[in-house]
Amino acid sequence: MASSNDRIVENIQFPEGLRWHAGALWFSDFYERRVFSADDSGTLQQHGFIGAQPSGFGFTPAGDPLVVGM
């Protein structure tokens, strides 16, 4: 498991809205216009492309992702 000082993901442009959910760190990348998650081993998974630049990220009480686009 990564410690608080370990880098687990490389080549992210501008992550925003970091949220821990379902065993992974979820975030939107402002410049890449995508939503990602990364587990503690650094495995990056893309979950979607946002046509407008994403500028915030969260989850509904049911666990569905919410992304705000500019």
PDB file of N, CA and C in Angstrom:
ATOM      1  N   MET A   1       0.838  -1.182   0.000  1.00  0.00           N
ATOM      2  CA  MET A   1       0.000   0.000   0.000  1.00  0.00           C
ATOM      3  C   MET A   1       0.879   1.240   0.000  1.00  0.00           C
ATOM      4  N   ALA A   2       0.471   2.238  -0.752  1.00  0.00           N
ATOM      5  CA  ALA A   2       1.240   3.474  -0.853  1.00  0.00           C
ATOM      6  C   ALA A   2       1.111   4.287   0.428  1.00  0.00           C
ATOM      7  N   SER A   3       2.186   4.974   0.794  1.00  0.00           N
ATOM      8  CA  SER A   3       2.110   5.881   1.940  1.00  0.00           C
ATOM      9  C   SER A   3       1.707   7.265   1.440  1.00  0.00           C
ATOM     10  N   SER A   4       1.501   8.188   2.349  1.00  0.00           N
ATOM     11  CA  SER A   4       1.058   9.526   1.961  1.00  0.00           C
ATOM     12  C   SER A   4       2.109  10.292   1.165  1.00  0.00           C
ATOM     13  N   ASN A   5       3.353   9.819   1.146  1.00  0.00           N
ATOM     14  CA  ASN A   5       4.417  10.503   0.417  1.00  0.00           C
ATOM     15  C   ASN A   5       4.781   9.824  -0.900  1.00  0.00           C
ATOM     16  N   ASP A   6       4.107   8.753  -1.260  1.00  0.00           N
ATOM     17  CA  ASP A   6       4.421   8.019  -2.482  1.00  0.00           C
ATOM     18  C   ASP A   6       3.636   8.565  -3.668  1.00  0.00           C
ATOM     19  N   ARG A   7       4.273   8.638  -4.818  1.00  0.00           N
ATOM     20  CA  ARG A   7       3.586   8.993  -6.059  1.00  0.00           C
ATOM     21  C   ARG A   7       3.064   7.702  -6.663  1.00  0.00           C
ATOM     22  N   ILE A   8       1.763   7.639  -6.918  1.00  0.00           N
ATOM     23  CA  ILE A   8       1.203   6.391  -7.430  1.00  0.00           C
ATOM     24  C   ILE A   8       0.826   6.473  -8.900  1.00  0.00           C
ATOM     25  N   VAL A   9       0.721   7.683  -9.457  1.00  0.00           N
ATOM     26  CA  VAL A   9       0.321   7.846 -10.857  1.00  0.00           C
ATOM     27  C   VAL A   9       1.206   8.905 -11.491  1.00  0.00           C
ATOM     28  N   GLU A  10       1.629   8.662 -12.716  1.00  0.00           N
ATOM     29  CA  GLU A  10       2.441   9.612 -13.483  1.00  0.00           C
ATOM     30  C   GLU A  10       1.623  10.202 -14.624  1.00  0.00           C
ATOM     31  N   ASN A  11       2.084  11.319 -15.155  1.00  0.00           N
ATOM     32  CA  ASN A  11       1.566  11.929 -16.387  1.00  0.00           C
ATOM     33  C   ASN A  11       0.121  12.402 -16.301  1.00  0.00           C
ATOM     34  N   ILE A  12      -0.269  12.919 -15.165  1.00  0.00           N
ATOM     35  CA  ILE A  12      -1.564  13.550 -15.023  1.00  0.00           C
ATOM     36  C   ILE A  12      -1.343  15.055 -15.206  1.00  0.00           C
ATOM     37  N   GLN A  13      -2.197  15.702 -15.986  1.00  0.00           N
ATOM     38  CA  GLN A  13      -2.004  17.108 -16.298  1.00  0.00           C
ATOM     39  C   GLN A  13      -2.417  18.039 -15.156  1.00  0.00           C
ATOM     40  N   PHE A  14      -3.702  18.012 -14.774  1.00  0.00           N
ATOM     41  CA  PHE A  14      -4.221  18.936 -13.771  1.00  0.00           C
ATOM     42  C   PHE A  14      -5.392  18.273 -13.052  1.00  0.00           C
ATOM     43  N   PRO A  15      -5.108  17.413 -12.064  1.00  0.00           N
ATOM     44  CA  PRO A  15      -6.190  16.685 -11.383  1.00  0.00           C
ATOM     45  C   PRO A  15      -6.975  17.604 -10.452  1.00  0.00           C
ATOM     46  N   GLU A  16      -8.294  17.390 -10.427  1.00  0.00           N
ATOM     47  CA  GLU A  16      -9.172  18.156  -9.543  1.00  0.00           C
ATOM     48  C   GLU A  16     -10.219  17.241  -8.932  1.00  0.00           C
ATOM     49  N   GLY A  17     -10.768  17.667  -7.805  1.00  0.00           N
ATOM     50  CA  GLY A  17     -11.888  16.976  -7.185  1.00  0.00           C
ATOM     51  C   GLY A  17     -11.539  15.592  -6.665  1.00  0.00           C
ATOM     52  N   LEU A  18     -10.348  15.426  -6.127  1.00  0.00           N
ATOM     53  CA  LEU A  18      -9.925  14.100  -5.675  1.00  0.00           C
ATOM     54  C   LEU A  18     -10.879  13.553  -4.619  1.00  0.00           C
ATOM     55  N   ARG A  19     -11.340  12.320  -4.849  1.00  0.00           N
ATOM     56  CA  ARG A  19     -12.260  11.643  -3.941  1.00  0.00           C
ATOM     57  C   ARG A  19     -11.863  10.177  -3.809  1.00  0.00           C
ATOM     58  N   TRP A  20     -11.857   9.680  -2.586  1.00  0.00           N
ATOM     59  CA  TRP A  20     -11.640   8.250  -2.361  1.00  0.00           C
ATOM     60  C   TRP A  20     -13.001   7.580  -2.440  1.00  0.00           C
ATOM     61  N   HIS A  21     -13.136   6.593  -3.327  1.00  0.00           N
ATOM     62  CA  HIS A  21     -14.428   5.927  -3.532  1.00  0.00           C
ATOM     63  C   HIS A  21     -14.185   4.499  -4.008  1.00  0.00           C
ATOM     64  N   ALA A  22     -14.833   3.554  -3.366  1.00  0.00           N
ATOM     65  CA  ALA A  22     -14.791   2.148  -3.777  1.00  0.00           C
ATOM     66  C   ALA A  22     -13.360   1.624  -3.918  1.00  0.00           C
ATOM     67  N   GLY A  23     -12.497   2.000  -2.987  1.00  0.00           N
ATOM     68  CA  GLY A  23     -11.137   1.476  -2.968  1.00  0.00           C
ATOM     69  C   GLY A  23     -10.177   2.108  -3.955  1.00  0.00           C
ATOM     70  N   ALA A  24     -10.540   3.277  -4.509  1.00  0.00           N
ATOM     71  CA  ALA A  24      -9.670   3.942  -5.478  1.00  0.00           C
ATOM     72  C   ALA A  24      -9.778   5.454  -5.317  1.00  0.00           C
ATOM     73  N   LEU A  25      -8.752   6.156  -5.770  1.00  0.00           N
ATOM     74  CA  LEU A  25      -8.747   7.614  -5.810  1.00  0.00           C
ATOM     75  C   LEU A  25      -9.310   8.051  -7.157  1.00  0.00           C
ATOM     76  N   TRP A  26     -10.429   8.748  -7.136  1.00  0.00           N
ATOM     77  CA  TRP A  26     -11.088   9.234  -8.347  1.00  0.00           C
ATOM     78  C   TRP A  26     -10.807  10.721  -8.505  1.00  0.00           C
ATOM     79  N   PHE A  27     -10.714  11.191  -9.751  1.00  0.00           N
ATOM     80  CA  PHE A  27     -10.481  12.611 -10.007  1.00  0.00           C
ATOM     81  C   PHE A  27     -10.785  12.931 -11.457  1.00  0.00           C
ATOM     82  N   SER A  28     -11.009  14.200 -11.710  1.00  0.00           N
ATOM     83  CA  SER A  28     -11.116  14.666 -13.090  1.00  0.00           C
ATOM     84  C   SER A  28      -9.799  15.345 -13.446  1.00  0.00           C
ATOM     85  N   ASP A  29      -9.433  15.301 -14.713  1.00  0.00           N
ATOM     86  CA  ASP A  29      -8.239  15.982 -15.205  1.00  0.00           C
ATOM     87  C   ASP A  29      -8.701  17.117 -16.106  1.00  0.00           C
ATOM     88  N   PHE A  30      -8.461  18.349 -15.660  1.00  0.00           N
ATOM     89  CA  PHE A  30      -8.945  19.554 -16.336  1.00  0.00           C
ATOM     90  C   PHE A  30      -8.491  19.621 -17.793  1.00  0.00           C
ATOM     91  N   TYR A  31      -7.211  19.386 -18.058  1.00  0.00           N
ATOM     92  CA  TYR A  31      -6.685  19.529 -19.422  1.00  0.00           C
ATOM     93  C   TYR A  31      -6.948  18.310 -20.302  1.00  0.00           C
ATOM     94  N   GLU A  32      -6.944  17.128 -19.736  1.00  0.00           N
ATOM     95  CA  GLU A  32      -7.215  15.916 -20.508  1.00  0.00           C
ATOM     96  C   GLU A  32      -8.709  15.710 -20.749  1.00  0.00           C
ATOM     97  N   ARG A  33      -9.553  16.427 -19.954  1.00  0.00           N
ATOM     98  CA  ARG A  33     -11.011  16.344 -20.069  1.00  0.00           C
ATOM     99  C   ARG A  33     -11.529  14.929 -19.839  1.00  0.00           C
ATOM    100  N   ARG A  34     -10.953  14.263 -18.880  1.00  0.00           N
ATOM    101  CA  ARG A  34     -11.322  12.879 -18.594  1.00  0.00           C
ATOM    102  C   ARG A  34     -11.506  12.671 -17.089  1.00  0.00           C
ATOM    103  N   VAL A  35     -12.214  11.602 -16.758  1.00  0.00           N
ATOM    104  CA  VAL A  35     -12.375  11.172 -15.372  1.00  0.00           C
ATOM    105  C   VAL A  35     -11.599   9.875 -15.208  1.00  0.00           C
ATOM    106  N   PHE A  36     -10.797   9.820 -14.154  1.00  0.00           N
ATOM    107  CA  PHE A  36      -9.943   8.670 -13.897  1.00  0.00           C
ATOM    108  C   PHE A  36     -10.138   8.166 -12.474  1.00  0.00           C
ATOM    109  N   SER A  37      -9.704   6.939 -12.256  1.00  0.00           N
ATOM    110  CA  SER A  37      -9.482   6.434 -10.905  1.00  0.00           C
ATOM    111  C   SER A  37      -8.130   5.732 -10.906  1.00  0.00           C
ATOM    112  N   ALA A  38      -7.530   5.687  -9.726  1.00  0.00           N
ATOM    113  CA  ALA A  38      -6.248   4.999  -9.557  1.00  0.00           C
ATOM    114  C   ALA A  38      -6.301   4.231  -8.251  1.00  0.00           C
ATOM    115  N   ASP A  39      -5.907   2.956  -8.300  1.00  0.00           N
ATOM    116  CA  ASP A  39      -5.844   2.192  -7.055  1.00  0.00           C
ATOM    117  C   ASP A  39      -4.490   2.424  -6.400  1.00  0.00           C
ATOM    118  N   ASP A  40      -4.276   1.847  -5.239  1.00  0.00           N
ATOM    119  CA  ASP A  40      -3.035   2.127  -4.507  1.00  0.00           C
ATOM    120  C   ASP A  40      -1.798   1.492  -5.136  1.00  0.00           C
ATOM    121  N   SER A  41      -1.972   0.667  -6.169  1.00  0.00           N
ATOM    122  CA  SER A  41      -0.809   0.139  -6.890  1.00  0.00           C
ATOM    123  C   SER A  41      -0.454   1.025  -8.082  1.00  0.00           C
ATOM    124  N   GLY A  42      -1.274   2.059  -8.345  1.00  0.00           N
ATOM    125  CA  GLY A  42      -0.997   2.975  -9.443  1.00  0.00           C
ATOM    126  C   GLY A  42      -1.697   2.632 -10.739  1.00  0.00           C
ATOM    127  N   THR A  43      -2.539   1.610 -10.735  1.00  0.00           N
ATOM    128  CA  THR A  43      -3.280   1.253 -11.937  1.00  0.00           C
ATOM    129  C   THR A  43      -4.314   2.328 -12.218  1.00  0.00           C
ATOM    130  N   LEU A  44      -4.184   2.968 -13.376  1.00  0.00           N
ATOM    131  CA  LEU A  44      -5.055   4.068 -13.773  1.00  0.00           C
ATOM    132  C   LEU A  44      -6.149   3.545 -14.681  1.00  0.00           C
ATOM    133  N   GLN A  45      -7.394   3.944 -14.403  1.00  0.00           N
ATOM    134  CA  GLN A  45      -8.520   3.541 -15.229  1.00  0.00           C
ATOM    135  C   GLN A  45      -9.281   4.797 -15.645  1.00  0.00           C
ATOM    136  N   GLN A  46      -9.569   4.907 -16.935  1.00  0.00           N
ATOM    137  CA  GLN A  46     -10.357   6.028 -17.438  1.00  0.00           C
ATOM    138  C   GLN A  46     -11.832   5.650 -17.396  1.00  0.00           C
ATOM    139  N   HIS A  47     -12.668   6.586 -16.920  1.00  0.00           N
ATOM    140  CA  HIS A  47     -14.099   6.328 -16.794  1.00  0.00           C
ATOM    141  C   HIS A  47     -14.938   7.162 -17.741  1.00  0.00           C
ATOM    142  N   GLY A  48     -14.381   8.198 -18.325  1.00  0.00           N
ATOM    143  CA  GLY A  48     -15.179   8.995 -19.246  1.00  0.00           C
ATOM    144  C   GLY A  48     -14.439  10.210 -19.762  1.00  0.00           C
ATOM    145  N   PHE A  49     -14.943  10.744 -20.867  1.00  0.00           N
ATOM    146  CA  PHE A  49     -14.445  11.972 -21.471  1.00  0.00           C
ATOM    147  C   PHE A  49     -15.503  13.043 -21.280  1.00  0.00           C
ATOM    148  N   ILE A  50     -15.095  14.241 -20.872  1.00  0.00           N
ATOM    149  CA  ILE A  50     -16.006  15.352 -20.640  1.00  0.00           C
ATOM    150  C   ILE A  50     -15.718  16.410 -21.702  1.00  0.00           C
ATOM    151  N   GLY A  51     -16.685  16.696 -22.571  1.00  0.00           N
ATOM    152  CA  GLY A  51     -16.476  17.666 -23.648  1.00  0.00           C
ATOM    153  C   GLY A  51     -16.092  19.043 -23.143  1.00  0.00           C
ATOM    154  N   ALA A  52     -16.763  19.511 -22.101  1.00  0.00           N
ATOM    155  CA  ALA A  52     -16.377  20.756 -21.435  1.00  0.00           C
ATOM    156  C   ALA A  52     -15.296  20.400 -20.423  1.00  0.00           C
ATOM    157  N   GLN A  53     -14.392  21.311 -20.161  1.00  0.00           N
ATOM    158  CA  GLN A  53     -13.328  20.974 -19.216  1.00  0.00           C
ATOM    159  C   GLN A  53     -13.920  20.736 -17.822  1.00  0.00           C
ATOM    160  N   PRO A  54     -13.646  19.566 -17.235  1.00  0.00           N
ATOM    161  CA  PRO A  54     -14.186  19.273 -15.907  1.00  0.00           C
ATOM    162  C   PRO A  54     -13.540  20.165 -14.852  1.00  0.00           C
ATOM    163  N   SER A  55     -14.353  20.616 -13.922  1.00  0.00           N
ATOM    164  CA  SER A  55     -13.851  21.506 -12.877  1.00  0.00           C
ATOM    165  C   SER A  55     -14.514  21.174 -11.547  1.00  0.00           C
ATOM    166  N   GLY A  56     -14.537  19.941 -11.214  1.00  0.00           N
ATOM    167  CA  GLY A  56     -15.128  19.483  -9.964  1.00  0.00           C
ATOM    168  C   GLY A  56     -15.643  18.075 -10.132  1.00  0.00           C
ATOM    169  N   PHE A  57     -15.657  17.347  -9.042  1.00  0.00           N
ATOM    170  CA  PHE A  57     -15.993  15.942  -9.134  1.00  0.00           C
ATOM    171  C   PHE A  57     -16.515  15.461  -7.795  1.00  0.00           C
ATOM    172  N   GLY A  58     -17.495  14.579  -7.823  1.00  0.00           N
ATOM    173  CA  GLY A  58     -18.032  13.994  -6.603  1.00  0.00           C
ATOM    174  C   GLY A  58     -18.913  12.807  -6.929  1.00  0.00           C
ATOM    175  N   PHE A  59     -19.643  12.339  -5.929  1.00  0.00           N
ATOM    176  CA  PHE A  59     -20.535  11.182  -6.089  1.00  0.00           C
ATOM    177  C   PHE A  59     -21.878  11.473  -5.441  1.00  0.00           C
ATOM    178  N   THR A  60     -22.931  10.914  -6.018  1.00  0.00           N
ATOM    179  CA  THR A  60     -24.251  10.982  -5.405  1.00  0.00           C
ATOM    180  C   THR A  60     -24.272  10.025  -4.213  1.00  0.00           C
ATOM    181  N   PRO A  61     -25.277  10.120  -3.345  1.00  0.00           N
ATOM    182  CA  PRO A  61     -25.392   9.157  -2.248  1.00  0.00           C
ATOM    183  C   PRO A  61     -25.491   7.712  -2.728  1.00  0.00           C
ATOM    184  N   ALA A  62     -25.987   7.508  -3.973  1.00  0.00           N
ATOM    185  CA  ALA A  62     -26.080   6.159  -4.529  1.00  0.00           C
ATOM    186  C   ALA A  62     -24.759   5.682  -5.131  1.00  0.00           C
ATOM    187  N   GLY A  63     -23.744   6.562  -5.185  1.00  0.00           N
ATOM    188  CA  GLY A  63     -22.444   6.174  -5.714  1.00  0.00           C
ATOM    189  C   GLY A  63     -22.208   6.523  -7.161  1.00  0.00           C
ATOM    190  N   ASP A  64     -23.161   7.202  -7.800  1.00  0.00           N
ATOM    191  CA  ASP A  64     -22.978   7.612  -9.194  1.00  0.00           C
ATOM    192  C   ASP A  64     -22.066   8.825  -9.273  1.00  0.00           C
ATOM    193  N   PRO A  65     -21.122   8.863 -10.219  1.00  0.00           N
ATOM    194  CA  PRO A  65     -20.227  10.010 -10.325  1.00  0.00           C
ATOM    195  C   PRO A  65     -20.954  11.249 -10.858  1.00  0.00           C
ATOM    196  N   LEU A  66     -20.532  12.398 -10.354  1.00  0.00           N
ATOM    197  CA  LEU A  66     -21.007  13.701 -10.811  1.00  0.00           C
ATOM    198  C   LEU A  66     -19.788  14.519 -11.240  1.00  0.00           C
ATOM    199  N   VAL A  67     -19.853  15.122 -12.427  1.00  0.00           N
ATOM    200  CA  VAL A  67     -18.739  15.937 -12.920  1.00  0.00           C
ATOM    201  C   VAL A  67     -19.300  17.288 -13.355  1.00  0.00           C
ATOM    202  N   VAL A  68     -18.665  18.353 -12.915  1.00  0.00           N
ATOM    203  CA  VAL A  68     -19.034  19.692 -13.338  1.00  0.00           C
ATOM    204  C   VAL A  68     -18.116  20.102 -14.470  1.00  0.00           C
ATOM    205  N   GLY A  69     -18.685  20.568 -15.587  1.00  0.00           N
ATOM    206  CA  GLY A  69     -17.892  21.024 -16.721  1.00  0.00           C
ATOM    207  C   GLY A  69     -18.027  22.516 -16.920  1.00  0.00           C
ATOM    208  N   MET A  70     -16.950  23.143 -17.364  1.00  0.00           N
ATOM    209  CA  MET A  70     -16.969  24.594 -17.609  1.00  0.00           C
ATOM    210  C   MET A  70     -17.491  24.884 -18.994  1.00  0.00           C
TER     211      MET A  70
END
